[in-house]
PDB file of N, CA and C in Angstrom:
ATOM      1  N   MET A   1       0.582  -1.133   0.073  1.00  0.00           N
ATOM      2  CA  MET A   1       0.261  -0.079   0.195  1.00  0.00           C
ATOM      3  C   MET A   1       0.646   1.545   0.137  1.00  0.00           C
ATOM      4  N   ALA A   2       0.645   2.286  -0.981  1.00  0.00           N
ATOM      5  CA  ALA A   2       1.258   3.233  -0.715  1.00  0.00           C
ATOM      6  C   ALA A   2       1.153   4.290  -0.084  1.00  0.00           C
ATOM      7  N   ALA A   3       2.031   4.689   0.691  1.00  0.00           N
ATOM      8  CA  ALA A   3       2.121   6.292   2.044  1.00  0.00           C
ATOM      9  C   ALA A   3       0.805   6.557   2.169  1.00  0.00           C
ATOM     10  N   ASP A   4       0.598   7.592   0.588  1.00  0.00           N
ATOM     11  CA  ASP A   4      -0.495   8.037   0.228  1.00  0.00           C
ATOM     12  C   ASP A   4      -2.045   7.455   0.617  1.00  0.00           C
ATOM     13  N   ASP A   5      -2.147   6.329   0.802  1.00  0.00           N
ATOM     14  CA  ASP A   5      -3.410   5.069   1.052  1.00  0.00           C
ATOM     15  C   ASP A   5      -3.757   5.012   1.929  1.00  0.00           C
ATOM     16  N   ARG A   6      -2.411   4.759   2.826  1.00  0.00           N
ATOM     17  CA  ARG A   6      -2.727   4.379   4.284  1.00  0.00           C
ATOM     18  C   ARG A   6      -3.788   4.958   4.933  1.00  0.00           C
ATOM     19  N   GLN A   7      -4.627   4.545   6.006  1.00  0.00           N
ATOM     20  CA  GLN A   7      -5.263   5.172   6.783  1.00  0.00           C
ATOM     21  C   GLN A   7      -4.972   5.676   7.877  1.00  0.00           C
ATOM     22  N   THR A   8      -5.341   6.891   8.770  1.00  0.00           N
ATOM     23  CA  THR A   8      -4.221   7.848   9.875  1.00  0.00           C
ATOM     24  C   THR A   8      -4.888   6.910  10.968  1.00  0.00           C
ATOM     25  N   LEU A   9      -4.165   7.073  11.867  1.00  0.00           N
ATOM     26  CA  LEU A   9      -4.285   5.880  13.453  1.00  0.00           C
ATOM     27  C   LEU A   9      -3.549   7.511  14.020  1.00  0.00           C
ATOM     28  N   ARG A  10      -4.028   8.182  14.768  1.00  0.00           N
ATOM     29  CA  ARG A  10      -4.143   9.130  15.925  1.00  0.00           C
ATOM     30  C   ARG A  10      -3.779   8.758  16.852  1.00  0.00           C
ATOM     31  N   VAL A  11      -3.076   8.745  17.563  1.00  0.00           N
ATOM     32  CA  VAL A  11      -3.226   9.242  19.482  1.00  0.00           C
ATOM     33  C   VAL A  11      -3.246  10.481  19.772  1.00  0.00           C
ATOM     34  N   ALA A  12      -3.990   9.979  20.849  1.00  0.00           N
ATOM     35  CA  ALA A  12      -4.597  11.580  21.525  1.00  0.00           C
ATOM     36  C   ALA A  12      -5.348  11.583  22.686  1.00  0.00           C
ATOM     37  N   SER A  13      -5.445  11.939  23.651  1.00  0.00           N
ATOM     38  CA  SER A  13      -6.206  11.744  25.365  1.00  0.00           C
ATOM     39  C   SER A  13      -7.171  12.368  24.943  1.00  0.00           C
ATOM     40  N   GLU A  14      -8.343  11.416  25.219  1.00  0.00           N
ATOM     41  CA  GLU A  14      -9.637  12.279  25.202  1.00  0.00           C
ATOM     42  C   GLU A  14     -10.177  11.596  26.658  1.00  0.00           C
ATOM     43  N   TYR A  15     -10.926  12.511  26.996  1.00  0.00           N
ATOM     44  CA  TYR A  15     -11.950  11.979  28.285  1.00  0.00           C
ATOM     45  C   TYR A  15     -12.857  11.023  28.073  1.00  0.00           C
ATOM     46  N   LEU A  16     -12.558  10.303  29.314  1.00  0.00           N
ATOM     47  CA  LEU A  16     -13.189   8.567  28.767  1.00  0.00           C
ATOM     48  C   LEU A  16     -13.706   8.124  28.009  1.00  0.00           C
ATOM     49  N   CYS A  17     -11.934   8.443  26.634  1.00  0.00           N
ATOM     50  CA  CYS A  17     -11.930   7.518  25.263  1.00  0.00           C
ATOM     51  C   CYS A  17     -11.278   6.670  25.592  1.00  0.00           C
ATOM     52  N   TYR A  18     -10.867   5.899  24.552  1.00  0.00           N
ATOM     53  CA  TYR A  18      -9.543   5.025  24.475  1.00  0.00           C
ATOM     54  C   TYR A  18      -8.142   6.204  23.557  1.00  0.00           C
ATOM     55  N   PRO A  19      -7.002   5.856  23.774  1.00  0.00           N
ATOM     56  CA  PRO A  19      -6.355   6.877  23.294  1.00  0.00           C
ATOM     57  C   PRO A  19      -6.034   6.722  21.412  1.00  0.00           C
ATOM     58  N   LEU A  20      -6.651   5.366  20.626  1.00  0.00           N
ATOM     59  CA  LEU A  20      -6.569   5.516  19.393  1.00  0.00           C
ATOM     60  C   LEU A  20      -7.571   5.857  18.599  1.00  0.00           C
ATOM     61  N   TRP A  21      -7.157   6.546  17.314  1.00  0.00           N
ATOM     62  CA  TRP A  21      -8.113   7.108  16.654  1.00  0.00           C
ATOM     63  C   TRP A  21      -8.386   6.632  15.177  1.00  0.00           C
ATOM     64  N   LEU A  22      -8.724   6.420  14.908  1.00  0.00           N
ATOM     65  CA  LEU A  22      -8.454   5.639  12.995  1.00  0.00           C
ATOM     66  C   LEU A  22      -9.558   6.519  12.991  1.00  0.00           C
ATOM     67  N   THR A  23      -8.892   6.688  11.167  1.00  0.00           N
ATOM     68  CA  THR A  23     -10.065   7.719  10.286  1.00  0.00           C
ATOM     69  C   THR A  23     -10.769   6.570   9.324  1.00  0.00           C
ATOM     70  N   VAL A  24     -12.036   6.832   9.297  1.00  0.00           N
ATOM     71  CA  VAL A  24     -12.894   5.868   8.315  1.00  0.00           C
ATOM     72  C   VAL A  24     -13.689   6.799   7.305  1.00  0.00           C
ATOM     73  N   GLY A  25     -13.913   6.357   6.243  1.00  0.00           N
ATOM     74  CA  GLY A  25     -14.522   6.631   5.023  1.00  0.00           C
ATOM     75  C   GLY A  25     -15.409   7.766   5.648  1.00  0.00           C
ATOM     76  N   GLY A  26     -15.288   8.967   4.996  1.00  0.00           N
ATOM     77  CA  GLY A  26     -16.373   9.875   4.539  1.00  0.00           C
ATOM     78  C   GLY A  26     -15.848  11.001   5.582  1.00  0.00           C
ATOM     79  N   GLY A  27     -14.690  11.160   6.307  1.00  0.00           N
ATOM     80  CA  GLY A  27     -13.779  11.770   7.640  1.00  0.00           C
ATOM     81  C   GLY A  27     -13.976  11.499   8.461  1.00  0.00           C
ATOM     82  N   GLY A  28     -14.676  10.035   9.152  1.00  0.00           N
ATOM     83  CA  GLY A  28     -15.160   9.833  10.439  1.00  0.00           C
ATOM     84  C   GLY A  28     -14.014   9.235  10.758  1.00  0.00           C
ATOM     85  N   THR A  29     -13.936   9.311  12.420  1.00  0.00           N
ATOM     86  CA  THR A  29     -13.138   8.293  12.813  1.00  0.00           C
ATOM     87  C   THR A  29     -13.675   7.491  13.940  1.00  0.00           C
ATOM     88  N   ASP A  30     -13.489   5.748  14.051  1.00  0.00           N
ATOM     89  CA  ASP A  30     -13.414   5.330  14.995  1.00  0.00           C
ATOM     90  C   ASP A  30     -12.523   5.186  16.776  1.00  0.00           C
ATOM     91  N   ASN A  31     -12.951   5.014  17.327  1.00  0.00           N
ATOM     92  CA  ASN A  31     -12.454   4.925  18.182  1.00  0.00           C
ATOM     93  C   ASN A  31     -12.062   3.683  19.265  1.00  0.00           C
ATOM     94  N   LEU A  32     -10.732   3.395  18.953  1.00  0.00           N
ATOM     95  CA  LEU A  32     -10.243   2.017  18.711  1.00  0.00           C
ATOM     96  C   LEU A  32      -9.479   1.556  20.409  1.00  0.00           C
ATOM     97  N   ARG A  33      -9.571   0.653  21.173  1.00  0.00           N
ATOM     98  CA  ARG A  33      -9.228   0.238  22.270  1.00  0.00           C
ATOM     99  C   ARG A  33      -7.817  -0.408  21.396  1.00  0.00           C
ATOM    100  N   PRO A  34      -6.328  -0.489  22.100  1.00  0.00           N
ATOM    101  CA  PRO A  34      -5.549  -0.307  22.272  1.00  0.00           C
ATOM    102  C   PRO A  34      -5.041  -2.054  21.911  1.00  0.00           C
ATOM    103  N   GLU A  35      -5.817  -2.873  22.271  1.00  0.00           N
ATOM    104  CA  GLU A  35      -6.092  -4.175  22.184  1.00  0.00           C
ATOM    105  C   GLU A  35      -7.031  -4.587  20.772  1.00  0.00           C
ATOM    106  N   ASP A  36      -7.625  -3.822  19.809  1.00  0.00           N
ATOM    107  CA  ASP A  36      -8.204  -4.168  18.724  1.00  0.00           C
ATOM    108  C   ASP A  36      -6.471  -4.343  17.404  1.00  0.00           C
ATOM    109  N   LEU A  37      -5.949  -3.976  17.835  1.00  0.00           N
ATOM    110  CA  LEU A  37      -4.215  -3.637  17.091  1.00  0.00           C
ATOM    111  C   LEU A  37      -3.464  -4.764  17.207  1.00  0.00           C
ATOM    112  N   ASP A  38      -2.681  -5.454  16.603  1.00  0.00           N
ATOM    113  CA  ASP A  38      -1.869  -6.108  16.567  1.00  0.00           C
ATOM    114  C   ASP A  38      -0.730  -5.199  16.609  1.00  0.00           C
ATOM    115  N   LEU A  39      -0.985  -5.119  18.241  1.00  0.00           N
ATOM    116  CA  LEU A  39       0.291  -4.280  19.219  1.00  0.00           C
ATOM    117  C   LEU A  39       0.715  -5.199  20.487  1.00  0.00           C
ATOM    118  N   PRO A  40       2.187  -4.703  20.485  1.00  0.00           N
ATOM    119  CA  PRO A  40       2.738  -5.578  21.749  1.00  0.00           C
ATOM    120  C   PRO A  40       2.288  -5.225  23.091  1.00  0.00           C
ATOM    121  N   ALA A  41       2.293  -6.083  23.557  1.00  0.00           N
ATOM    122  CA  ALA A  41       1.561  -6.373  25.189  1.00  0.00           C
ATOM    123  C   ALA A  41       2.203  -5.125  25.990  1.00  0.00           C
ATOM    124  N   ASP A  42       3.258  -4.568  25.845  1.00  0.00           N
ATOM    125  CA  ASP A  42       3.510  -3.976  26.632  1.00  0.00           C
ATOM    126  C   ASP A  42       3.120  -2.413  26.312  1.00  0.00           C
ATOM    127  N   LEU A  43       3.114  -2.185  24.960  1.00  0.00           N
ATOM    128  CA  LEU A  43       2.806  -1.102  24.330  1.00  0.00           C
ATOM    129  C   LEU A  43       1.043  -0.909  24.653  1.00  0.00           C
ATOM    130  N   ILE A  44       0.490  -1.655  24.257  1.00  0.00           N
ATOM    131  CA  ILE A  44      -1.108  -1.734  25.413  1.00  0.00           C
ATOM    132  C   ILE A  44      -1.522  -0.915  26.128  1.00  0.00           C
ATOM    133  N   ALA A  45      -0.353  -1.876  27.356  1.00  0.00           N
ATOM    134  CA  ALA A  45      -0.726  -1.908  28.617  1.00  0.00           C
ATOM    135  C   ALA A  45      -0.102  -0.133  28.671  1.00  0.00           C
ATOM    136  N   ASP A  46       0.673   0.594  27.882  1.00  0.00           N
ATOM    137  CA  ASP A  46       1.113   1.757  28.161  1.00  0.00           C
ATOM    138  C   ASP A  46       0.774   2.845  27.817  1.00  0.00           C
ATOM    139  N   LEU A  47      -0.167   2.515  26.407  1.00  0.00           N
ATOM    140  CA  LEU A  47      -1.310   3.405  26.164  1.00  0.00           C
ATOM    141  C   LEU A  47      -2.572   3.584  27.173  1.00  0.00           C
ATOM    142  N   ASN A  48      -2.857   2.490  27.818  1.00  0.00           N
ATOM    143  CA  ASN A  48      -3.832   1.857  28.680  1.00  0.00           C
ATOM    144  C   ASN A  48      -3.962   2.939  29.639  1.00  0.00           C
ATOM    145  N   ALA A  49      -2.611   3.180  30.361  1.00  0.00           N
ATOM    146  CA  ALA A  49      -2.109   3.570  31.284  1.00  0.00           C
ATOM    147  C   ALA A  49      -2.493   4.878  30.925  1.00  0.00           C
ATOM    148  N   TRP A  50      -1.632   5.415  29.901  1.00  0.00           N
ATOM    149  CA  TRP A  50      -2.027   7.015  29.647  1.00  0.00           C
ATOM    150  C   TRP A  50      -2.957   7.489  29.336  1.00  0.00           C
ATOM    151  N   SER A  51      -4.051   6.781  28.633  1.00  0.00           N
ATOM    152  CA  SER A  51      -4.830   7.120  28.938  1.00  0.00           C
ATOM    153  C   SER A  51      -5.943   7.063  30.325  1.00  0.00           C
ATOM    154  N   ASP A  52      -5.888   6.036  31.298  1.00  0.00           N
ATOM    155  CA  ASP A  52      -6.467   6.130  32.342  1.00  0.00           C
ATOM    156  C   ASP A  52      -5.981   7.328  33.405  1.00  0.00           C
ATOM    157  N   GLU A  53      -4.571   7.956  32.618  1.00  0.00           N
ATOM    158  CA  GLU A  53      -4.164   9.090  33.693  1.00  0.00           C
ATOM    159  C   GLU A  53      -4.895  10.194  33.147  1.00  0.00           C
ATOM    160  N   TYR A  54      -5.215  10.587  32.427  1.00  0.00           N
ATOM    161  CA  TYR A  54      -5.905  11.678  31.629  1.00  0.00           C
ATOM    162  C   TYR A  54      -7.176  11.818  32.494  1.00  0.00           C
ATOM    163  N   ASP A  55      -7.813  10.422  32.605  1.00  0.00           N
ATOM    164  CA  ASP A  55      -9.219  10.327  32.720  1.00  0.00           C
ATOM    165  C   ASP A  55      -8.971  10.703  34.359  1.00  0.00           C
ATOM    166  N   ALA A  56      -7.882  10.340  34.702  1.00  0.00           N
ATOM    167  CA  ALA A  56      -8.015  10.562  36.124  1.00  0.00           C
ATOM    168  C   ALA A  56      -8.081  12.305  36.910  1.00  0.00           C
ATOM    169  N   ILE A  57      -7.639  12.924  36.052  1.00  0.00           N
ATOM    170  CA  ILE A  57      -7.588  14.257  36.314  1.00  0.00           C
ATOM    171  C   ILE A  57      -8.971  15.165  35.465  1.00  0.00           C
ATOM    172  N   PHE A  58     -10.249  14.717  35.900  1.00  0.00           N
ATOM    173  CA  PHE A  58     -11.118  14.813  35.517  1.00  0.00           C
ATOM    174  C   PHE A  58     -12.124  14.353  36.538  1.00  0.00           C
ATOM    175  N   PRO A  59     -12.605  15.376  37.669  1.00  0.00           N
ATOM    176  CA  PRO A  59     -13.601  14.875  38.215  1.00  0.00           C
ATOM    177  C   PRO A  59     -14.918  14.313  37.742  1.00  0.00           C
ATOM    178  N   GLU A  60     -15.201  13.484  37.692  1.00  0.00           N
ATOM    179  CA  GLU A  60     -17.323  12.942  37.176  1.00  0.00           C
ATOM    180  C   GLU A  60     -18.284  14.208  37.422  1.00  0.00           C
ATOM    181  N   ASP A  61     -17.826  15.072  38.501  1.00  0.00           N
ATOM    182  CA  ASP A  61     -18.989  15.615  39.036  1.00  0.00           C
ATOM    183  C   ASP A  61     -18.403  16.555  38.643  1.00  0.00           C
ATOM    184  N   ASP A  62     -17.548  17.478  38.322  1.00  0.00           N
ATOM    185  CA  ASP A  62     -17.141  18.458  37.189  1.00  0.00           C
ATOM    186  C   ASP A  62     -16.221  18.795  36.479  1.00  0.00           C
ATOM    187  N   PRO A  63     -16.029  18.026  35.235  1.00  0.00           N
ATOM    188  CA  PRO A  63     -15.130  18.037  33.956  1.00  0.00           C
ATOM    189  C   PRO A  63     -14.521  19.161  33.560  1.00  0.00           C
ATOM    190  N   GLY A  64     -15.621  19.596  34.070  1.00  0.00           N
ATOM    191  CA  GLY A  64     -14.584  21.689  33.867  1.00  0.00           C
ATOM    192  C   GLY A  64     -13.311  22.101  33.879  1.00  0.00           C
ATOM    193  N   SER A  65     -13.302  21.341  35.534  1.00  0.00           N
ATOM    194  CA  SER A  65     -12.572  21.521  36.320  1.00  0.00           C
ATOM    195  C   SER A  65     -11.602  21.345  35.636  1.00  0.00           C
ATOM    196  N   ALA A  66     -11.026  19.913  35.012  1.00  0.00           N
ATOM    197  CA  ALA A  66      -9.810  19.134  34.927  1.00  0.00           C
ATOM    198  C   ALA A  66      -8.691  20.088  34.776  1.00  0.00           C
ATOM    199  N   ALA A  67      -7.348  19.991  35.537  1.00  0.00           N
ATOM    200  CA  ALA A  67      -6.394  19.884  35.584  1.00  0.00           C
ATOM    201  C   ALA A  67      -5.180  19.440  36.046  1.00  0.00           C
ATOM    202  N   PHE A  68      -4.248  19.139  35.109  1.00  0.00           N
ATOM    203  CA  PHE A  68      -2.987  18.996  35.311  1.00  0.00           C
ATOM    204  C   PHE A  68      -2.515  19.145  36.828  1.00  0.00           C
ATOM    205  N   PRO A  69      -2.000  18.629  37.962  1.00  0.00           N
ATOM    206  CA  PRO A  69      -1.162  19.443  38.618  1.00  0.00           C
ATOM    207  C   PRO A  69      -0.128  20.411  38.859  1.00  0.00           C
ATOM    208  N   SER A  70       0.690  20.747  37.812  1.00  0.00           N
ATOM    209  CA  SER A  70       1.192  21.627  37.283  1.00  0.00           C
ATOM    210  C   SER A  70       1.862  21.458  35.670  1.00  0.00           C
ATOM    211  N   SER A  71       2.321  22.525  35.403  1.00  0.00           N
ATOM    212  CA  SER A  71       2.706  22.810  33.702  1.00  0.00           C
ATOM    213  C   SER A  71       4.003  21.535  33.642  1.00  0.00           C
ATOM    214  N   GLU A  72       4.611  21.289  34.145  1.00  0.00           N
ATOM    215  CA  GLU A  72       5.479  20.561  33.985  1.00  0.00           C
ATOM    216  C   GLU A  72       4.751  19.221  34.149  1.00  0.00           C
ATOM    217  N   ALA A  73       3.960  18.616  35.163  1.00  0.00           N
ATOM    218  CA  ALA A  73       3.366  17.353  34.496  1.00  0.00           C
ATOM    219  C   ALA A  73       2.975  17.416  33.358  1.00  0.00           C
ATOM    220  N   GLU A  74       1.711  18.601  32.861  1.00  0.00           N
ATOM    221  CA  GLU A  74       1.321  19.101  32.111  1.00  0.00           C
ATOM    222  C   GLU A  74       2.285  18.184  30.517  1.00  0.00           C
ATOM    223  N   ALA A  75       2.959  18.911  30.930  1.00  0.00           N
ATOM    224  CA  ALA A  75       4.266  18.949  29.915  1.00  0.00           C
ATOM    225  C   ALA A  75       4.812  17.400  29.311  1.00  0.00           C
ATOM    226  N   ASP A  76       5.088  16.776  30.618  1.00  0.00           N
ATOM    227  CA  ASP A  76       5.806  15.154  30.344  1.00  0.00           C
ATOM    228  C   ASP A  76       4.390  14.612  29.640  1.00  0.00           C
ATOM    229  N   PHE A  77       3.295  14.585  30.689  1.00  0.00           N
ATOM    230  CA  PHE A  77       2.248  14.057  30.344  1.00  0.00           C
ATOM    231  C   PHE A  77       2.313  13.763  28.730  1.00  0.00           C
ATOM    232  N   TYR A  78       2.279  14.923  28.099  1.00  0.00           N
ATOM    233  CA  TYR A  78       2.430  15.560  26.253  1.00  0.00           C
ATOM    234  C   TYR A  78       3.318  14.740  25.946  1.00  0.00           C
ATOM    235  N   ALA A  79       4.688  14.811  26.679  1.00  0.00           N
ATOM    236  CA  ALA A  79       6.198  14.324  26.210  1.00  0.00           C
ATOM    237  C   ALA A  79       5.758  12.452  26.180  1.00  0.00           C
ATOM    238  N   ARG A  80       4.979  12.291  26.737  1.00  0.00           N
ATOM    239  CA  ARG A  80       5.690  10.596  27.327  1.00  0.00           C
ATOM    240  C   ARG A  80       3.939   9.987  26.000  1.00  0.00           C
ATOM    241  N   GLY A  81       3.117  11.027  25.474  1.00  0.00           N
ATOM    242  CA  GLY A  81       2.257  10.499  24.768  1.00  0.00           C
ATOM    243  C   GLY A  81       3.202  10.808  23.311  1.00  0.00           C
ATOM    244  N   ARG A  82       3.672  11.988  22.793  1.00  0.00           N
ATOM    245  CA  ARG A  82       3.960  11.299  21.857  1.00  0.00           C
ATOM    246  C   ARG A  82       5.304  10.285  21.601  1.00  0.00           C
ATOM    247  N   ALA A  83       5.930   9.769  22.632  1.00  0.00           N
ATOM    248  CA  ALA A  83       7.001   8.932  23.084  1.00  0.00           C
ATOM    249  C   ALA A  83       5.709   7.350  22.129  1.00  0.00           C
ATOM    250  N   LEU A  84       5.070   7.044  22.851  1.00  0.00           N
ATOM    251  CA  LEU A  84       4.223   6.349  23.110  1.00  0.00           C
ATOM    252  C   LEU A  84       3.324   6.390  21.284  1.00  0.00           C
ATOM    253  N   ALA A  85       3.018   7.175  20.976  1.00  0.00           N
ATOM    254  CA  ALA A  85       3.013   7.507  19.250  1.00  0.00           C
ATOM    255  C   ALA A  85       4.021   7.047  18.138  1.00  0.00           C
ATOM    256  N   GLU A  86       5.257   7.319  18.767  1.00  0.00           N
ATOM    257  CA  GLU A  86       6.258   6.686  18.109  1.00  0.00           C
ATOM    258  C   GLU A  86       6.699   5.517  18.236  1.00  0.00           C
ATOM    259  N   ARG A  87       6.061   4.663  19.616  1.00  0.00           N
ATOM    260  CA  ARG A  87       6.422   3.408  19.804  1.00  0.00           C
ATOM    261  C   ARG A  87       5.451   2.642  19.025  1.00  0.00           C
ATOM    262  N   THR A  88       4.253   3.339  19.017  1.00  0.00           N
ATOM    263  CA  THR A  88       3.301   2.843  17.924  1.00  0.00           C
ATOM    264  C   THR A  88       3.122   2.939  16.399  1.00  0.00           C
ATOM    265  N   THR A  89       4.026   4.195  16.147  1.00  0.00           N
ATOM    266  CA  THR A  89       4.425   3.850  14.307  1.00  0.00           C
ATOM    267  C   THR A  89       5.440   3.112  14.303  1.00  0.00           C
ATOM    268  N   ALA A  90       6.267   2.601  15.885  1.00  0.00           N
ATOM    269  CA  ALA A  90       6.945   1.308  15.001  1.00  0.00           C
ATOM    270  C   ALA A  90       6.733  -0.032  15.211  1.00  0.00           C
ATOM    271  N   ALA A  91       4.865  -0.098  15.820  1.00  0.00           N
ATOM    272  CA  ALA A  91       4.678  -1.412  15.824  1.00  0.00           C
ATOM    273  C   ALA A  91       3.813  -1.660  14.863  1.00  0.00           C
ATOM    274  N   VAL A  92       3.295  -0.641  14.026  1.00  0.00           N
ATOM    275  CA  VAL A  92       2.321  -1.142  13.150  1.00  0.00           C
ATOM    276  C   VAL A  92       2.873  -0.938  11.262  1.00  0.00           C
ATOM    277  N   GLY A  93       4.250  -0.242  11.659  1.00  0.00           N
ATOM    278  CA  GLY A  93       4.943  -0.393  10.452  1.00  0.00           C
ATOM    279  C   GLY A  93       4.345   0.708   9.173  1.00  0.00           C
ATOM    280  N   SER A  94       4.005  -0.151   7.822  1.00  0.00           N
ATOM    281  CA  SER A  94       3.875   0.978   7.007  1.00  0.00           C
ATOM    282  C   SER A  94       1.943   0.441   6.901  1.00  0.00           C
ATOM    283  N   ARG A  95       1.491  -0.038   8.111  1.00  0.00           N
ATOM    284  CA  ARG A  95       0.032  -0.027   7.996  1.00  0.00           C
ATOM    285  C   ARG A  95      -0.920   1.078   8.154  1.00  0.00           C
ATOM    286  N   TYR A  96      -0.377   1.770   8.365  1.00  0.00           N
ATOM    287  CA  TYR A  96      -0.923   3.228   9.193  1.00  0.00           C
ATOM    288  C   TYR A  96      -0.138   4.479   9.425  1.00  0.00           C
ATOM    289  N   ARG A  97      -0.442   5.490   8.593  1.00  0.00           N
ATOM    290  CA  ARG A  97       0.243   6.604   8.995  1.00  0.00           C
ATOM    291  C   ARG A  97      -0.055   7.251  10.728  1.00  0.00           C
ATOM    292  N   VAL A  98       0.666   7.259  11.342  1.00  0.00           N
ATOM    293  CA  VAL A  98       0.674   7.980  12.516  1.00  0.00           C
ATOM    294  C   VAL A  98       0.553   9.413  12.695  1.00  0.00           C
ATOM    295  N   THR A  99      -0.801   9.709  13.527  1.00  0.00           N
ATOM    296  CA  THR A  99      -0.338  11.327  13.876  1.00  0.00           C
ATOM    297  C   THR A  99      -0.391  11.449  15.556  1.00  0.00           C
ATOM    298  N   TYR A 100      -0.170  12.359  15.694  1.00  0.00           N
ATOM    299  CA  TYR A 100      -0.111  12.306  17.749  1.00  0.00           C
ATOM    300  C   TYR A 100      -0.949  13.631  17.543  1.00  0.00           C
ATOM    301  N   VAL A 101      -1.470  13.993  18.703  1.00  0.00           N
ATOM    302  CA  VAL A 101      -2.410  15.176  19.437  1.00  0.00           C
ATOM    303  C   VAL A 101      -1.407  15.481  20.446  1.00  0.00           C
ATOM    304  N   ASP A 102      -1.037  16.508  20.826  1.00  0.00           N
ATOM    305  CA  ASP A 102      -0.283  17.408  21.906  1.00  0.00           C
ATOM    306  C   ASP A 102      -1.325  18.653  22.328  1.00  0.00           C
ATOM    307  N   ARG A 103      -2.263  18.626  23.283  1.00  0.00           N
ATOM    308  CA  ARG A 103      -2.996  18.927  23.608  1.00  0.00           C
ATOM    309  C   ARG A 103      -1.813  20.595  24.579  1.00  0.00           C
ATOM    310  N   ASN A 104      -1.037  20.315  25.053  1.00  0.00           N
ATOM    311  CA  ASN A 104      -0.047  21.482  25.473  1.00  0.00           C
ATOM    312  C   ASN A 104       0.087  22.548  24.756  1.00  0.00           C
ATOM    313  N   ALA A 105       0.049  23.572  25.302  1.00  0.00           N
ATOM    314  CA  ALA A 105      -0.719  24.980  25.504  1.00  0.00           C
ATOM    315  C   ALA A 105       0.796  25.235  24.571  1.00  0.00           C
ATOM    316  N   ASN A 106       2.173  24.832  24.765  1.00  0.00           N
ATOM    317  CA  ASN A 106       3.424  25.129  23.809  1.00  0.00           C
ATOM    318  C   ASN A 106       3.848  24.535  22.490  1.00  0.00           C
ATOM    319  N   ALA A 107       2.641  23.490  22.341  1.00  0.00           N
ATOM    320  CA  ALA A 107       3.168  22.661  21.103  1.00  0.00           C
ATOM    321  C   ALA A 107       2.164  22.588  20.063  1.00  0.00           C
ATOM    322  N   THR A 108       2.596  22.185  18.908  1.00  0.00           N
ATOM    323  CA  THR A 108       1.503  22.378  17.621  1.00  0.00           C
ATOM    324  C   THR A 108       0.678  21.208  18.032  1.00  0.00           C
ATOM    325  N   ASN A 109      -0.708  21.385  17.058  1.00  0.00           N
ATOM    326  CA  ASN A 109      -1.863  20.551  17.686  1.00  0.00           C
ATOM    327  C   ASN A 109      -1.707  19.085  17.635  1.00  0.00           C
ATOM    328  N   GLU A 110      -1.223  18.671  16.113  1.00  0.00           N
ATOM    329  CA  GLU A 110      -1.493  17.691  15.558  1.00  0.00           C
ATOM    330  C   GLU A 110      -0.026  17.904  14.569  1.00  0.00           C
ATOM    331  N   ALA A 111       0.735  16.365  15.169  1.00  0.00           N
ATOM    332  CA  ALA A 111       2.440  15.958  14.393  1.00  0.00           C
ATOM    333  C   ALA A 111       1.576  15.142  13.604  1.00  0.00           C
ATOM    334  N   VAL A 112       2.744  14.546  12.654  1.00  0.00           N
ATOM    335  CA  VAL A 112       3.223  13.370  11.831  1.00  0.00           C
ATOM    336  C   VAL A 112       3.775  12.814  12.446  1.00  0.00           C
ATOM    337  N   VAL A 113       3.827  11.806  13.202  1.00  0.00           N
ATOM    338  CA  VAL A 113       4.800  10.579  14.169  1.00  0.00           C
ATOM    339  C   VAL A 113       5.588   9.889  12.559  1.00  0.00           C
ATOM    340  N   SER A 114       4.325   9.619  12.128  1.00  0.00           N
ATOM    341  CA  SER A 114       5.285   8.202  10.901  1.00  0.00           C
ATOM    342  C   SER A 114       5.653   9.038   9.965  1.00  0.00           C
ATOM    343  N   PRO A 115       6.818   8.229   9.268  1.00  0.00           N
ATOM    344  CA  PRO A 115       7.635   8.976   7.838  1.00  0.00           C
ATOM    345  C   PRO A 115       6.886   9.109   6.919  1.00  0.00           C
ATOM    346  N   ASP A 116       6.370   9.803   6.099  1.00  0.00           N
ATOM    347  CA  ASP A 116       5.165   9.758   4.753  1.00  0.00           C
ATOM    348  C   ASP A 116       5.985   8.799   3.316  1.00  0.00           C
TER     349      ASP A 116
END
C-alpha cells in the first residue's frame, strides 16, 4: 500500500475514550481500544495507562475543572504521549500513517509521527 493510501491512526488523549482513533470513510473516526490492533502487550498496557492517567484528572462531578497538577506534569504527560505515538508507529509499520495530538499549550496541535 502506498503511503498516501494508508489510513491515519491518531494517538490522542480524550476524556473517557480510548487513546487511538482510526480515520474511516467520509472523514469520520473510530475510537479503538489498543487491544483491537496487533500491538505488543507492553505498548497496549502503556497506552491504556496513559489514557487512564488522563481520565484521572477529570472530576466526574465537574469535568470542566480538570487540570494537571502543574505545567511540568502536563508537559511530561504530553511528552510521554509523543513517545507512545513513536512506539505505535514502530509497531504498526507501514500499515497506518500515525499522528499525535499534543494539547499542551506550548505545542503544535497535531503532528505526523510516521514517515510519509
